[in-house]
């Protein structure tokens, strides 16, 4: 029984580490240049969404959670994501 728990614990750590790393890399504010007007903007990525898509699809899908230009320009194409390391 102890061997089973050990195998489960090692498996969880091996599978969980990349997800925790993805979450930590995607959280927090970032400064980007807005493609719409060329000025700098502060964005925050949706880290939980990136982590879930990493786990289910193999690579994170990035999307903006907050932007300094919102709510006025909330329906933008989020082209600034190309400036964020994938």
C-alpha atoms as a PDB file:
ATOM      1  CA  UNK A   1       0.000   0.000   0.000  1.00  0.00           C
ATOM      2  CA  UNK A   2       2.846   2.392   0.807  1.00  0.00           C
ATOM      3  CA  UNK A   3       4.392   1.796  -2.624  1.00  0.00           C
ATOM      4  CA  UNK A   4       1.101   2.764  -4.261  1.00  0.00           C
ATOM      5  CA  UNK A   5       0.971   6.055  -2.350  1.00  0.00           C
ATOM      6  CA  UNK A   6       4.593   6.746  -3.221  1.00  0.00           C
ATOM      7  CA  UNK A   7       3.925   6.169  -6.918  1.00  0.00           C
ATOM      8  CA  UNK A   8       0.856   8.422  -6.769  1.00  0.00           C
ATOM      9  CA  UNK A   9       2.766  11.176  -4.960  1.00  0.00           C
ATOM     10  CA  UNK A  10       5.652  11.074  -7.440  1.00  0.00           C
ATOM     11  CA  UNK A  11       3.196  11.111 -10.349  1.00  0.00           C
ATOM     12  CA  UNK A  12       1.362  14.133  -8.954  1.00  0.00           C
ATOM     13  CA  UNK A  13       4.605  16.009  -8.452  1.00  0.00           C
ATOM     14  CA  UNK A  14       5.840  15.124 -11.949  1.00  0.00           C
ATOM     15  CA  UNK A  15       2.568  16.220 -13.544  1.00  0.00           C
ATOM     16  CA  UNK A  16       1.964  19.206 -11.279  1.00  0.00           C
ATOM     17  CA  UNK A  17       5.352  20.904 -11.554  1.00  0.00           C
ATOM     18  CA  UNK A  18       4.955  22.041 -15.204  1.00  0.00           C
ATOM     19  CA  UNK A  19       1.484  23.371 -14.427  1.00  0.00           C
ATOM     20  CA  UNK A  20       2.674  25.340 -11.408  1.00  0.00           C
ATOM     21  CA  UNK A  21       5.556  26.712 -13.467  1.00  0.00           C
ATOM     22  CA  UNK A  22       3.158  27.768 -16.254  1.00  0.00           C
ATOM     23  CA  UNK A  23       0.904  29.524 -13.755  1.00  0.00           C
ATOM     24  CA  UNK A  24       3.779  31.389 -12.111  1.00  0.00           C
ATOM     25  CA  UNK A  25       5.227  32.504 -15.464  1.00  0.00           C
ATOM     26  CA  UNK A  26       1.879  33.859 -16.684  1.00  0.00           C
ATOM     27  CA  UNK A  27       0.750  35.832 -13.645  1.00  0.00           C
ATOM     28  CA  UNK A  28       1.491  39.463 -12.881  1.00  0.00           C
ATOM     29  CA  UNK A  29       1.466  42.653 -14.940  1.00  0.00           C
ATOM     30  CA  UNK A  30       3.420  43.093 -18.168  1.00  0.00           C
ATOM     31  CA  UNK A  31       4.238  46.201 -20.166  1.00  0.00           C
ATOM     32  CA  UNK A  32       3.563  45.924 -23.901  1.00  0.00           C
ATOM     33  CA  UNK A  33       3.231  48.299 -26.816  1.00  0.00           C
ATOM     34  CA  UNK A  34      -0.380  48.604 -27.916  1.00  0.00           C
ATOM     35  CA  UNK A  35      -0.605  47.750 -31.630  1.00  0.00           C
ATOM     36  CA  UNK A  36      -3.605  50.054 -31.984  1.00  0.00           C
ATOM     37  CA  UNK A  37      -1.920  53.325 -31.010  1.00  0.00           C
ATOM     38  CA  UNK A  38       1.771  52.470 -30.442  1.00  0.00           C
ATOM     39  CA  UNK A  39       1.729  53.536 -26.779  1.00  0.00           C
ATOM     40  CA  UNK A  40       2.681  51.396 -23.827  1.00  0.00           C
ATOM     41  CA  UNK A  41      -0.022  49.546 -21.933  1.00  0.00           C
ATOM     42  CA  UNK A  42      -0.052  47.374 -18.851  1.00  0.00           C
ATOM     43  CA  UNK A  43      -1.692  43.982 -19.289  1.00  0.00           C
ATOM     44  CA  UNK A  44      -2.281  41.004 -17.057  1.00  0.00           C
ATOM     45  CA  UNK A  45      -2.648  37.541 -18.549  1.00  0.00           C
ATOM     46  CA  UNK A  46      -5.309  35.024 -17.553  1.00  0.00           C
ATOM     47  CA  UNK A  47      -2.888  32.653 -15.776  1.00  0.00           C
ATOM     48  CA  UNK A  48      -5.485  30.019 -14.760  1.00  0.00           C
ATOM     49  CA  UNK A  49      -6.695  29.754 -18.379  1.00  0.00           C
ATOM     50  CA  UNK A  50      -3.121  29.365 -19.631  1.00  0.00           C
ATOM     51  CA  UNK A  51      -2.490  26.640 -17.045  1.00  0.00           C
ATOM     52  CA  UNK A  52      -5.654  24.704 -17.880  1.00  0.00           C
ATOM     53  CA  UNK A  53      -4.973  24.840 -21.610  1.00  0.00           C
ATOM     54  CA  UNK A  54      -1.371  23.749 -20.970  1.00  0.00           C
ATOM     55  CA  UNK A  55      -2.685  20.718 -19.085  1.00  0.00           C
ATOM     56  CA  UNK A  56      -5.347  19.777 -21.619  1.00  0.00           C
ATOM     57  CA  UNK A  57      -3.826  20.798 -24.957  1.00  0.00           C
ATOM     58  CA  UNK A  58      -0.086  20.645 -24.321  1.00  0.00           C
ATOM     59  CA  UNK A  59       0.594  24.356 -24.825  1.00  0.00           C
ATOM     60  CA  UNK A  60      -0.850  27.411 -23.106  1.00  0.00           C
ATOM     61  CA  UNK A  61      -3.402  29.591 -24.854  1.00  0.00           C
ATOM     62  CA  UNK A  62      -2.865  33.167 -23.759  1.00  0.00           C
ATOM     63  CA  UNK A  63      -5.551  35.799 -23.322  1.00  0.00           C
ATOM     64  CA  UNK A  64      -5.628  39.174 -21.623  1.00  0.00           C
ATOM     65  CA  UNK A  65      -7.391  39.341 -18.257  1.00  0.00           C
ATOM     66  CA  UNK A  66      -6.835  43.059 -17.602  1.00  0.00           C
ATOM     67  CA  UNK A  67      -5.511  45.949 -19.649  1.00  0.00           C
ATOM     68  CA  UNK A  68      -4.844  49.570 -18.764  1.00  0.00           C
ATOM     69  CA  UNK A  69      -6.802  50.622 -21.873  1.00  0.00           C
ATOM     70  CA  UNK A  70      -9.971  48.813 -20.774  1.00  0.00           C
ATOM     71  CA  UNK A  71     -12.973  49.093 -20.422  1.00  0.00           C
ATOM     72  CA  UNK A  72     -13.016  51.611 -23.244  1.00  0.00           C
ATOM     73  CA  UNK A  73     -11.107  49.329 -25.648  1.00  0.00           C
ATOM     74  CA  UNK A  74     -12.159  45.987 -24.180  1.00  0.00           C
ATOM     75  CA  UNK A  75     -13.213  44.512 -27.515  1.00  0.00           C
ATOM     76  CA  UNK A  76      -9.749  44.791 -29.076  1.00  0.00           C
ATOM     77  CA  UNK A  77      -8.139  41.878 -30.955  1.00  0.00           C
ATOM     78  CA  UNK A  78      -5.483  41.412 -28.228  1.00  0.00           C
ATOM     79  CA  UNK A  79      -2.707  41.576 -30.819  1.00  0.00           C
ATOM     80  CA  UNK A  80      -0.344  42.635 -28.023  1.00  0.00           C
ATOM     81  CA  UNK A  81      -0.154  38.957 -27.017  1.00  0.00           C
ATOM     82  CA  UNK A  82       2.361  38.426 -29.797  1.00  0.00           C
ATOM     83  CA  UNK A  83       4.799  40.449 -27.660  1.00  0.00           C
ATOM     84  CA  UNK A  84       4.422  38.078 -24.722  1.00  0.00           C
ATOM     85  CA  UNK A  85       6.714  35.062 -24.622  1.00  0.00           C
ATOM     86  CA  UNK A  86       4.646  31.966 -25.478  1.00  0.00           C
END
